[in-house]
Amino acid sequence: MSVDKETVRKVAKLARLALPEERLEPLTQELNGILKWIEQLNEVDVEGVDPMASTVDVKLPMREDVLQDGPTGGGQADNIVANAPKTEDHFFIVPKVVE
């Protein structure tokens, strides 16, 4: 499969791209190079080769969600809101922005 200048011009118009005339030939060659590379990939024999990854029915390993002690863990609510001008039950109180 290959494309010509008219095909590139038509695709550019459909994509609403302003493509100057001097860019048509280089872009045509570039697209033809990409298409040749894809044709080479189609020639690869993949019979009997299992896919390396799948996005269907994949179960990712999960770790337990555990609260850590120390300065990077939980139990810091008092320290977090200590410098806030207004707080209530460890929440920041902010002015209403939508009426």
PDB file of N, CA and C in Angstrom:
ATOM      1  N   MET A   1       0.846  -1.175   0.000  1.00  0.00           N
ATOM      2  CA  MET A   1       0.000   0.000   0.000  1.00  0.00           C
ATOM      3  C   MET A   1       0.889   1.234   0.000  1.00  0.00           C
ATOM      4  N   SER A   2       0.521   2.222  -0.747  1.00  0.00           N
ATOM      5  CA  SER A   2       1.257   3.481  -0.754  1.00  0.00           C
ATOM      6  C   SER A   2       0.270   4.625  -0.954  1.00  0.00           C
ATOM      7  N   VAL A   3       0.706   5.807  -0.580  1.00  0.00           N
ATOM      8  CA  VAL A   3      -0.135   6.987  -0.734  1.00  0.00           C
ATOM      9  C   VAL A   3       0.539   7.945  -1.705  1.00  0.00           C
ATOM     10  N   ASP A   4      -0.268   8.763  -2.352  1.00  0.00           N
ATOM     11  CA  ASP A   4       0.268   9.772  -3.257  1.00  0.00           C
ATOM     12  C   ASP A   4      -0.046  11.161  -2.702  1.00  0.00           C
ATOM     13  N   LYS A   5       0.386  12.192  -3.426  1.00  0.00           N
ATOM     14  CA  LYS A   5       0.193  13.560  -2.960  1.00  0.00           C
ATOM     15  C   LYS A   5      -1.285  13.902  -2.781  1.00  0.00           C
ATOM     16  N   GLU A   6      -2.112  13.405  -3.675  1.00  0.00           N
ATOM     17  CA  GLU A   6      -3.543  13.708  -3.595  1.00  0.00           C
ATOM     18  C   GLU A   6      -4.168  13.105  -2.335  1.00  0.00           C
ATOM     19  N   THR A   7      -3.737  11.900  -1.984  1.00  0.00           N
ATOM     20  CA  THR A   7      -4.250  11.256  -0.774  1.00  0.00           C
ATOM     21  C   THR A   7      -3.818  12.046   0.457  1.00  0.00           C
ATOM     22  N   VAL A   8      -2.563  12.476   0.493  1.00  0.00           N
ATOM     23  CA  VAL A   8      -2.064  13.265   1.618  1.00  0.00           C
ATOM     24  C   VAL A   8      -2.827  14.584   1.701  1.00  0.00           C
ATOM     25  N   ARG A   9      -3.063  15.217   0.561  1.00  0.00           N
ATOM     26  CA  ARG A   9      -3.804  16.472   0.527  1.00  0.00           C
ATOM     27  C   ARG A   9      -5.218  16.266   1.066  1.00  0.00           C
ATOM     28  N   LYS A  10      -5.871  15.155   0.668  1.00  0.00           N
ATOM     29  CA  LYS A  10      -7.238  14.870   1.109  1.00  0.00           C
ATOM     30  C   LYS A  10      -7.276  14.595   2.617  1.00  0.00           C
ATOM     31  N   VAL A  11      -6.320  13.813   3.128  1.00  0.00           N
ATOM     32  CA  VAL A  11      -6.275  13.512   4.561  1.00  0.00           C
ATOM     33  C   VAL A  11      -6.022  14.788   5.362  1.00  0.00           C
ATOM     34  N   ALA A  12      -5.138  15.645   4.866  1.00  0.00           N
ATOM     35  CA  ALA A  12      -4.863  16.906   5.549  1.00  0.00           C
ATOM     36  C   ALA A  12      -6.117  17.773   5.597  1.00  0.00           C
ATOM     37  N   LYS A  13      -6.863  17.784   4.510  1.00  0.00           N
ATOM     38  CA  LYS A  13      -8.095  18.575   4.480  1.00  0.00           C
ATOM     39  C   LYS A  13      -9.116  18.007   5.454  1.00  0.00           C
ATOM     40  N   LEU A  14      -9.261  16.668   5.494  1.00  0.00           N
ATOM     41  CA  LEU A  14     -10.202  16.047   6.430  1.00  0.00           C
ATOM     42  C   LEU A  14      -9.809  16.301   7.879  1.00  0.00           C
ATOM     43  N   ALA A  15      -8.503  16.378   8.129  1.00  0.00           N
ATOM     44  CA  ALA A  15      -8.009  16.634   9.477  1.00  0.00           C
ATOM     45  C   ALA A  15      -7.952  18.135   9.773  1.00  0.00           C
ATOM     46  N   ARG A  16      -8.352  18.927   8.802  1.00  0.00           N
ATOM     47  CA  ARG A  16      -8.342  20.389   8.921  1.00  0.00           C
ATOM     48  C   ARG A  16      -6.949  20.922   9.243  1.00  0.00           C
ATOM     49  N   LEU A  17      -5.955  20.374   8.526  1.00  0.00           N
ATOM     50  CA  LEU A  17      -4.576  20.817   8.665  1.00  0.00           C
ATOM     51  C   LEU A  17      -4.204  21.683   7.472  1.00  0.00           C
ATOM     52  N   ALA A  18      -3.605  22.828   7.743  1.00  0.00           N
ATOM     53  CA  ALA A  18      -3.111  23.678   6.664  1.00  0.00           C
ATOM     54  C   ALA A  18      -1.746  23.143   6.257  1.00  0.00           C
ATOM     55  N   LEU A  19      -1.697  22.492   5.107  1.00  0.00           N
ATOM     56  CA  LEU A  19      -0.465  21.859   4.658  1.00  0.00           C
ATOM     57  C   LEU A  19       0.051  22.583   3.419  1.00  0.00           C
ATOM     58  N   PRO A  20       1.204  23.272   3.536  1.00  0.00           N
ATOM     59  CA  PRO A  20       1.753  23.973   2.366  1.00  0.00           C
ATOM     60  C   PRO A  20       2.150  22.979   1.273  1.00  0.00           C
ATOM     61  N   GLU A  21       2.129  23.443   0.062  1.00  0.00           N
ATOM     62  CA  GLU A  21       2.432  22.590  -1.098  1.00  0.00           C
ATOM     63  C   GLU A  21       3.827  21.971  -1.012  1.00  0.00           C
ATOM     64  N   GLU A  22       4.798  22.714  -0.483  1.00  0.00           N
ATOM     65  CA  GLU A  22       6.166  22.188  -0.417  1.00  0.00           C
ATOM     66  C   GLU A  22       6.317  21.080   0.630  1.00  0.00           C
ATOM     67  N   ARG A  23       5.353  20.904   1.509  1.00  0.00           N
ATOM     68  CA  ARG A  23       5.411  19.833   2.517  1.00  0.00           C
ATOM     69  C   ARG A  23       4.747  18.544   2.035  1.00  0.00           C
ATOM     70  N   LEU A  24       4.037  18.599   0.904  1.00  0.00           N
ATOM     71  CA  LEU A  24       3.320  17.415   0.420  1.00  0.00           C
ATOM     72  C   LEU A  24       4.260  16.272   0.067  1.00  0.00           C
ATOM     73  N   GLU A  25       5.297  16.548  -0.696  1.00  0.00           N
ATOM     74  CA  GLU A  25       6.209  15.483  -1.127  1.00  0.00           C
ATOM     75  C   GLU A  25       6.949  14.840   0.050  1.00  0.00           C
ATOM     76  N   PRO A  26       7.564  15.623   0.964  1.00  0.00           N
ATOM     77  CA  PRO A  26       8.239  14.979   2.103  1.00  0.00           C
ATOM     78  C   PRO A  26       7.280  14.179   2.984  1.00  0.00           C
ATOM     79  N   LEU A  27       6.070  14.695   3.175  1.00  0.00           N
ATOM     80  CA  LEU A  27       5.102  13.985   4.005  1.00  0.00           C
ATOM     81  C   LEU A  27       4.628  12.708   3.313  1.00  0.00           C
ATOM     82  N   THR A  28       4.485  12.748   2.009  1.00  0.00           N
ATOM     83  CA  THR A  28       4.104  11.551   1.251  1.00  0.00           C
ATOM     84  C   THR A  28       5.165  10.470   1.416  1.00  0.00           C
ATOM     85  N   GLN A  29       6.442  10.846   1.291  1.00  0.00           N
ATOM     86  CA  GLN A  29       7.533   9.879   1.458  1.00  0.00           C
ATOM     87  C   GLN A  29       7.566   9.320   2.881  1.00  0.00           C
ATOM     88  N   GLU A  30       7.337  10.188   3.853  1.00  0.00           N
ATOM     89  CA  GLU A  30       7.357   9.752   5.250  1.00  0.00           C
ATOM     90  C   GLU A  30       6.220   8.758   5.528  1.00  0.00           C
ATOM     91  N   LEU A  31       5.034   9.064   5.045  1.00  0.00           N
ATOM     92  CA  LEU A  31       3.902   8.150   5.253  1.00  0.00           C
ATOM     93  C   LEU A  31       4.118   6.828   4.527  1.00  0.00           C
ATOM     94  N   ASN A  32       4.686   6.859   3.334  1.00  0.00           N
ATOM     95  CA  ASN A  32       4.976   5.618   2.616  1.00  0.00           C
ATOM     96  C   ASN A  32       6.011   4.783   3.368  1.00  0.00           C
ATOM     97  N   GLY A  33       6.990   5.425   3.984  1.00  0.00           N
ATOM     98  CA  GLY A  33       7.970   4.707   4.795  1.00  0.00           C
ATOM     99  C   GLY A  33       7.320   4.025   5.986  1.00  0.00           C
ATOM    100  N   ILE A  34       6.389   4.708   6.627  1.00  0.00           N
ATOM    101  CA  ILE A  34       5.667   4.121   7.761  1.00  0.00           C
ATOM    102  C   ILE A  34       4.841   2.928   7.305  1.00  0.00           C
ATOM    103  N   LEU A  35       4.163   3.065   6.184  1.00  0.00           N
ATOM    104  CA  LEU A  35       3.340   1.966   5.674  1.00  0.00           C
ATOM    105  C   LEU A  35       4.196   0.756   5.285  1.00  0.00           C
ATOM    106  N   LYS A  36       5.391   0.981   4.727  1.00  0.00           N
ATOM    107  CA  LYS A  36       6.288  -0.136   4.401  1.00  0.00           C
ATOM    108  C   LYS A  36       6.735  -0.860   5.659  1.00  0.00           C
ATOM    109  N   TRP A  37       6.998  -0.101   6.708  1.00  0.00           N
ATOM    110  CA  TRP A  37       7.404  -0.708   7.975  1.00  0.00           C
ATOM    111  C   TRP A  37       6.271  -1.565   8.542  1.00  0.00           C
ATOM    112  N   ILE A  38       5.039  -1.087   8.440  1.00  0.00           N
ATOM    113  CA  ILE A  38       3.886  -1.860   8.912  1.00  0.00           C
ATOM    114  C   ILE A  38       3.727  -3.134   8.088  1.00  0.00           C
ATOM    115  N   GLU A  39       3.960  -3.044   6.784  1.00  0.00           N
ATOM    116  CA  GLU A  39       3.886  -4.243   5.942  1.00  0.00           C
ATOM    117  C   GLU A  39       4.939  -5.261   6.364  1.00  0.00           C
ATOM    118  N   GLN A  40       6.129  -4.797   6.753  1.00  0.00           N
ATOM    119  CA  GLN A  40       7.159  -5.711   7.247  1.00  0.00           C
ATOM    120  C   GLN A  40       6.700  -6.400   8.526  1.00  0.00           C
ATOM    121  N   LEU A  41       6.029  -5.686   9.395  1.00  0.00           N
ATOM    122  CA  LEU A  41       5.529  -6.292  10.630  1.00  0.00           C
ATOM    123  C   LEU A  41       4.492  -7.367  10.332  1.00  0.00           C
ATOM    124  N   ASN A  42       3.698  -7.171   9.287  1.00  0.00           N
ATOM    125  CA  ASN A  42       2.686  -8.164   8.919  1.00  0.00           C
ATOM    126  C   ASN A  42       3.312  -9.459   8.421  1.00  0.00           C
ATOM    127  N   GLU A  43       4.576  -9.426   7.987  1.00  0.00           N
ATOM    128  CA  GLU A  43       5.249 -10.621   7.482  1.00  0.00           C
ATOM    129  C   GLU A  43       5.829 -11.493   8.589  1.00  0.00           C
ATOM    130  N   VAL A  44       5.884 -10.988   9.814  1.00  0.00           N
ATOM    131  CA  VAL A  44       6.458 -11.742  10.927  1.00  0.00           C
ATOM    132  C   VAL A  44       5.544 -12.910  11.285  1.00  0.00           C
ATOM    133  N   ASP A  45       6.149 -14.103  11.418  1.00  0.00           N
ATOM    134  CA  ASP A  45       5.395 -15.301  11.780  1.00  0.00           C
ATOM    135  C   ASP A  45       5.214 -15.331  13.297  1.00  0.00           C
ATOM    136  N   VAL A  46       3.979 -15.155  13.749  1.00  0.00           N
ATOM    137  CA  VAL A  46       3.689 -15.162  15.182  1.00  0.00           C
ATOM    138  C   VAL A  46       2.824 -16.361  15.569  1.00  0.00           C
ATOM    139  N   GLU A  47       2.780 -17.352  14.709  1.00  0.00           N
ATOM    140  CA  GLU A  47       1.991 -18.554  14.972  1.00  0.00           C
ATOM    141  C   GLU A  47       2.524 -19.258  16.220  1.00  0.00           C
ATOM    142  N   GLY A  48       1.650 -19.505  17.174  1.00  0.00           N
ATOM    143  CA  GLY A  48       2.025 -20.207  18.393  1.00  0.00           C
ATOM    144  C   GLY A  48       2.677 -19.336  19.449  1.00  0.00           C
ATOM    145  N   VAL A  49       2.776 -18.047  19.207  1.00  0.00           N
ATOM    146  CA  VAL A  49       3.384 -17.142  20.178  1.00  0.00           C
ATOM    147  C   VAL A  49       2.276 -16.525  21.017  1.00  0.00           C
ATOM    148  N   ASP A  50       2.356 -16.731  22.324  1.00  0.00           N
ATOM    149  CA  ASP A  50       1.352 -16.162  23.219  1.00  0.00           C
ATOM    150  C   ASP A  50       1.578 -14.669  23.376  1.00  0.00           C
ATOM    151  N   PRO A  51       0.509 -13.910  23.537  1.00  0.00           N
ATOM    152  CA  PRO A  51       0.671 -12.475  23.777  1.00  0.00           C
ATOM    153  C   PRO A  51       1.406 -12.230  25.088  1.00  0.00           C
ATOM    154  N   MET A  52       2.217 -11.187  25.109  1.00  0.00           N
ATOM    155  CA  MET A  52       2.979 -10.883  26.314  1.00  0.00           C
ATOM    156  C   MET A  52       2.140 -10.141  27.338  1.00  0.00           C
ATOM    157  N   ALA A  53       1.138  -9.412  26.907  1.00  0.00           N
ATOM    158  CA  ALA A  53       0.311  -8.645  27.828  1.00  0.00           C
ATOM    159  C   ALA A  53      -1.107  -8.584  27.288  1.00  0.00           C
ATOM    160  N   SER A  54      -2.040  -8.458  28.191  1.00  0.00           N
ATOM    161  CA  SER A  54      -3.431  -8.346  27.800  1.00  0.00           C
ATOM    162  C   SER A  54      -4.114  -7.338  28.706  1.00  0.00           C
ATOM    163  N   THR A  55      -5.061  -6.612  28.174  1.00  0.00           N
ATOM    164  CA  THR A  55      -5.808  -5.659  28.980  1.00  0.00           C
ATOM    165  C   THR A  55      -7.144  -6.238  29.424  1.00  0.00           C
ATOM    166  N   VAL A  56      -7.390  -7.481  29.067  1.00  0.00           N
ATOM    167  CA  VAL A  56      -8.654  -8.113  29.415  1.00  0.00           C
ATOM    168  C   VAL A  56      -8.418  -9.135  30.518  1.00  0.00           C
ATOM    169  N   ASP A  57      -9.253  -9.099  31.535  1.00  0.00           N
ATOM    170  CA  ASP A  57      -9.240 -10.086  32.614  1.00  0.00           C
ATOM    171  C   ASP A  57      -7.872 -10.188  33.287  1.00  0.00           C
ATOM    172  N   VAL A  58      -7.290  -9.031  33.616  1.00  0.00           N
ATOM    173  CA  VAL A  58      -6.009  -9.006  34.309  1.00  0.00           C
ATOM    174  C   VAL A  58      -6.264  -8.639  35.760  1.00  0.00           C
ATOM    175  N   LYS A  59      -5.769  -9.447  36.663  1.00  0.00           N
ATOM    176  CA  LYS A  59      -5.902  -9.145  38.084  1.00  0.00           C
ATOM    177  C   LYS A  59      -4.537  -8.707  38.601  1.00  0.00           C
ATOM    178  N   LEU A  60      -4.467  -7.463  39.038  1.00  0.00           N
ATOM    179  CA  LEU A  60      -3.223  -6.916  39.545  1.00  0.00           C
ATOM    180  C   LEU A  60      -3.055  -7.284  41.013  1.00  0.00           C
ATOM    181  N   PRO A  61      -1.818  -7.514  41.440  1.00  0.00           N
ATOM    182  CA  PRO A  61      -1.601  -7.821  42.853  1.00  0.00           C
ATOM    183  C   PRO A  61      -1.942  -6.608  43.711  1.00  0.00           C
ATOM    184  N   MET A  62      -2.621  -6.850  44.801  1.00  0.00           N
ATOM    185  CA  MET A  62      -3.012  -5.774  45.700  1.00  0.00           C
ATOM    186  C   MET A  62      -2.281  -5.952  47.025  1.00  0.00           C
ATOM    187  N   ARG A  63      -1.914  -4.844  47.632  1.00  0.00           N
ATOM    188  CA  ARG A  63      -1.319  -4.908  48.959  1.00  0.00           C
ATOM    189  C   ARG A  63      -2.357  -4.436  49.961  1.00  0.00           C
ATOM    190  N   GLU A  64      -2.186  -4.841  51.189  1.00  0.00           N
ATOM    191  CA  GLU A  64      -3.113  -4.438  52.230  1.00  0.00           C
ATOM    192  C   GLU A  64      -2.912  -2.952  52.528  1.00  0.00           C
ATOM    193  N   ASP A  65      -3.997  -2.232  52.686  1.00  0.00           N
ATOM    194  CA  ASP A  65      -3.937  -0.814  52.986  1.00  0.00           C
ATOM    195  C   ASP A  65      -3.807  -0.655  54.498  1.00  0.00           C
ATOM    196  N   VAL A  66      -2.571  -0.399  54.946  1.00  0.00           N
ATOM    197  CA  VAL A  66      -2.277  -0.330  56.368  1.00  0.00           C
ATOM    198  C   VAL A  66      -1.811   1.077  56.716  1.00  0.00           C
ATOM    199  N   LEU A  67      -2.352   1.631  57.781  1.00  0.00           N
ATOM    200  CA  LEU A  67      -1.957   2.942  58.246  1.00  0.00           C
ATOM    201  C   LEU A  67      -0.619   2.830  58.961  1.00  0.00           C
ATOM    202  N   GLN A  68       0.364   3.606  58.536  1.00  0.00           N
ATOM    203  CA  GLN A  68       1.709   3.552  59.104  1.00  0.00           C
ATOM    204  C   GLN A  68       1.827   4.514  60.274  1.00  0.00           C
ATOM    205  N   ASP A  69       2.639   4.172  61.240  1.00  0.00           N
ATOM    206  CA  ASP A  69       2.941   5.069  62.347  1.00  0.00           C
ATOM    207  C   ASP A  69       4.106   5.970  61.964  1.00  0.00           C
ATOM    208  N   GLY A  70       4.287   7.029  62.697  1.00  0.00           N
ATOM    209  CA  GLY A  70       5.417   7.912  62.465  1.00  0.00           C
ATOM    210  C   GLY A  70       5.014   9.168  61.727  1.00  0.00           C
ATOM    211  N   PRO A  71       6.006   9.983  61.338  1.00  0.00           N
ATOM    212  CA  PRO A  71       5.714  11.289  60.727  1.00  0.00           C
ATOM    213  C   PRO A  71       5.071  11.199  59.349  1.00  0.00           C
ATOM    214  N   THR A  72       5.219  10.081  58.643  1.00  0.00           N
ATOM    215  CA  THR A  72       4.602   9.969  57.321  1.00  0.00           C
ATOM    216  C   THR A  72       3.336   9.141  57.364  1.00  0.00           C
ATOM    217  N   GLY A  73       2.951   8.678  58.511  1.00  0.00           N
ATOM    218  CA  GLY A  73       1.762   7.839  58.623  1.00  0.00           C
ATOM    219  C   GLY A  73       0.564   8.620  59.111  1.00  0.00           C
ATOM    220  N   GLY A  74      -0.371   7.924  59.709  1.00  0.00           N
ATOM    221  CA  GLY A  74      -1.588   8.547  60.201  1.00  0.00           C
ATOM    222  C   GLY A  74      -1.406   9.096  61.596  1.00  0.00           C
ATOM    223  N   GLY A  75      -2.518   9.480  62.188  1.00  0.00           N
ATOM    224  CA  GLY A  75      -2.495  10.005  63.532  1.00  0.00           C
ATOM    225  C   GLY A  75      -1.907  11.392  63.631  1.00  0.00           C
ATOM    226  N   GLN A  76      -1.888  12.126  62.528  1.00  0.00           N
ATOM    227  CA  GLN A  76      -1.277  13.452  62.501  1.00  0.00           C
ATOM    228  C   GLN A  76      -2.309  14.558  62.295  1.00  0.00           C
ATOM    229  N   ALA A  77      -3.582  14.266  62.497  1.00  0.00           N
ATOM    230  CA  ALA A  77      -4.622  15.247  62.199  1.00  0.00           C
ATOM    231  C   ALA A  77      -4.416  16.543  62.962  1.00  0.00           C
ATOM    232  N   ASP A  78      -4.066  16.453  64.237  1.00  0.00           N
ATOM    233  CA  ASP A  78      -3.851  17.674  65.027  1.00  0.00           C
ATOM    234  C   ASP A  78      -2.698  18.499  64.462  1.00  0.00           C
ATOM    235  N   ASN A  79      -1.624  17.843  64.071  1.00  0.00           N
ATOM    236  CA  ASN A  79      -0.467  18.563  63.516  1.00  0.00           C
ATOM    237  C   ASN A  79      -0.789  19.177  62.160  1.00  0.00           C
ATOM    238  N   ILE A  80      -1.601  18.502  61.367  1.00  0.00           N
ATOM    239  CA  ILE A  80      -1.905  18.984  60.015  1.00  0.00           C
ATOM    240  C   ILE A  80      -2.712  20.275  60.076  1.00  0.00           C
ATOM    241  N   VAL A  81      -3.704  20.349  60.955  1.00  0.00           N
ATOM    242  CA  VAL A  81      -4.570  21.525  61.002  1.00  0.00           C
ATOM    243  C   VAL A  81      -4.107  22.555  62.036  1.00  0.00           C
ATOM    244  N   ALA A  82      -2.938  22.349  62.635  1.00  0.00           N
ATOM    245  CA  ALA A  82      -2.475  23.225  63.704  1.00  0.00           C
ATOM    246  C   ALA A  82      -2.331  24.682  63.272  1.00  0.00           C
ATOM    247  N   ASN A  83      -1.891  24.956  62.061  1.00  0.00           N
ATOM    248  CA  ASN A  83      -1.673  26.330  61.604  1.00  0.00           C
ATOM    249  C   ASN A  83      -2.836  26.910  60.812  1.00  0.00           C
ATOM    250  N   ALA A  84      -3.914  26.164  60.658  1.00  0.00           N
ATOM    251  CA  ALA A  84      -5.063  26.660  59.897  1.00  0.00           C
ATOM    252  C   ALA A  84      -5.804  27.712  60.724  1.00  0.00           C
ATOM    253  N   PRO A  85      -6.304  28.777  60.069  1.00  0.00           N
ATOM    254  CA  PRO A  85      -7.018  29.809  60.821  1.00  0.00           C
ATOM    255  C   PRO A  85      -8.325  29.295  61.437  1.00  0.00           C
ATOM    256  N   LYS A  86      -9.031  28.402  60.729  1.00  0.00           N
ATOM    257  CA  LYS A  86     -10.286  27.855  61.252  1.00  0.00           C
ATOM    258  C   LYS A  86     -10.343  26.355  60.971  1.00  0.00           C
ATOM    259  N   THR A  87     -10.695  25.592  61.979  1.00  0.00           N
ATOM    260  CA  THR A  87     -10.850  24.141  61.807  1.00  0.00           C
ATOM    261  C   THR A  87     -12.036  23.664  62.627  1.00  0.00           C
ATOM    262  N   GLU A  88     -12.508  22.493  62.268  1.00  0.00           N
ATOM    263  CA  GLU A  88     -13.573  21.852  63.028  1.00  0.00           C
ATOM    264  C   GLU A  88     -13.464  20.353  62.820  1.00  0.00           C
ATOM    265  N   ASP A  89     -13.322  19.600  63.891  1.00  0.00           N
ATOM    266  CA  ASP A  89     -13.200  18.136  63.849  1.00  0.00           C
ATOM    267  C   ASP A  89     -12.114  17.687  62.865  1.00  0.00           C
ATOM    268  N   HIS A  90     -10.966  18.339  62.913  1.00  0.00           N
ATOM    269  CA  HIS A  90      -9.813  18.021  62.067  1.00  0.00           C
ATOM    270  C   HIS A  90     -10.057  18.296  60.578  1.00  0.00           C
ATOM    271  N   PHE A  91     -10.983  19.186  60.250  1.00  0.00           N
ATOM    272  CA  PHE A  91     -11.229  19.622  58.881  1.00  0.00           C
ATOM    273  C   PHE A  91     -10.904  21.104  58.778  1.00  0.00           C
ATOM    274  N   PHE A  92     -10.440  21.537  57.619  1.00  0.00           N
ATOM    275  CA  PHE A  92     -10.218  22.954  57.366  1.00  0.00           C
ATOM    276  C   PHE A  92     -11.563  23.608  57.091  1.00  0.00           C
ATOM    277  N   ILE A  93     -11.780  24.791  57.619  1.00  0.00           N
ATOM    278  CA  ILE A  93     -12.983  25.570  57.315  1.00  0.00           C
ATOM    279  C   ILE A  93     -12.547  26.671  56.355  1.00  0.00           C
ATOM    280  N   VAL A  94     -13.190  26.688  55.193  1.00  0.00           N
ATOM    281  CA  VAL A  94     -12.844  27.670  54.156  1.00  0.00           C
ATOM    282  C   VAL A  94     -14.090  28.452  53.779  1.00  0.00           C
ATOM    283  N   PRO A  95     -13.900  29.657  53.217  1.00  0.00           N
ATOM    284  CA  PRO A  95     -15.063  30.446  52.822  1.00  0.00           C
ATOM    285  C   PRO A  95     -15.806  29.778  51.650  1.00  0.00           C
ATOM    286  N   LYS A  96     -17.110  29.996  51.627  1.00  0.00           N
ATOM    287  CA  LYS A  96     -17.924  29.474  50.535  1.00  0.00           C
ATOM    288  C   LYS A  96     -17.574  30.229  49.249  1.00  0.00           C
ATOM    289  N   VAL A  97     -17.346  29.494  48.145  1.00  0.00           N
ATOM    290  CA  VAL A  97     -16.960  30.138  46.891  1.00  0.00           C
ATOM    291  C   VAL A  97     -18.064  30.089  45.840  1.00  0.00           C
ATOM    292  N   VAL A  98     -19.087  29.288  46.060  1.00  0.00           N
ATOM    293  CA  VAL A  98     -20.212  29.192  45.117  1.00  0.00           C
ATOM    294  C   VAL A  98     -21.469  29.587  45.861  1.00  0.00           C
ATOM    295  N   GLU A  99     -22.227  30.489  45.290  1.00  0.00           N
ATOM    296  CA  GLU A  99     -23.455  30.919  45.962  1.00  0.00           C
ATOM    297  C   GLU A  99     -24.669  30.279  45.359  1.00  0.00           C
TER     298      GLU A  99
END
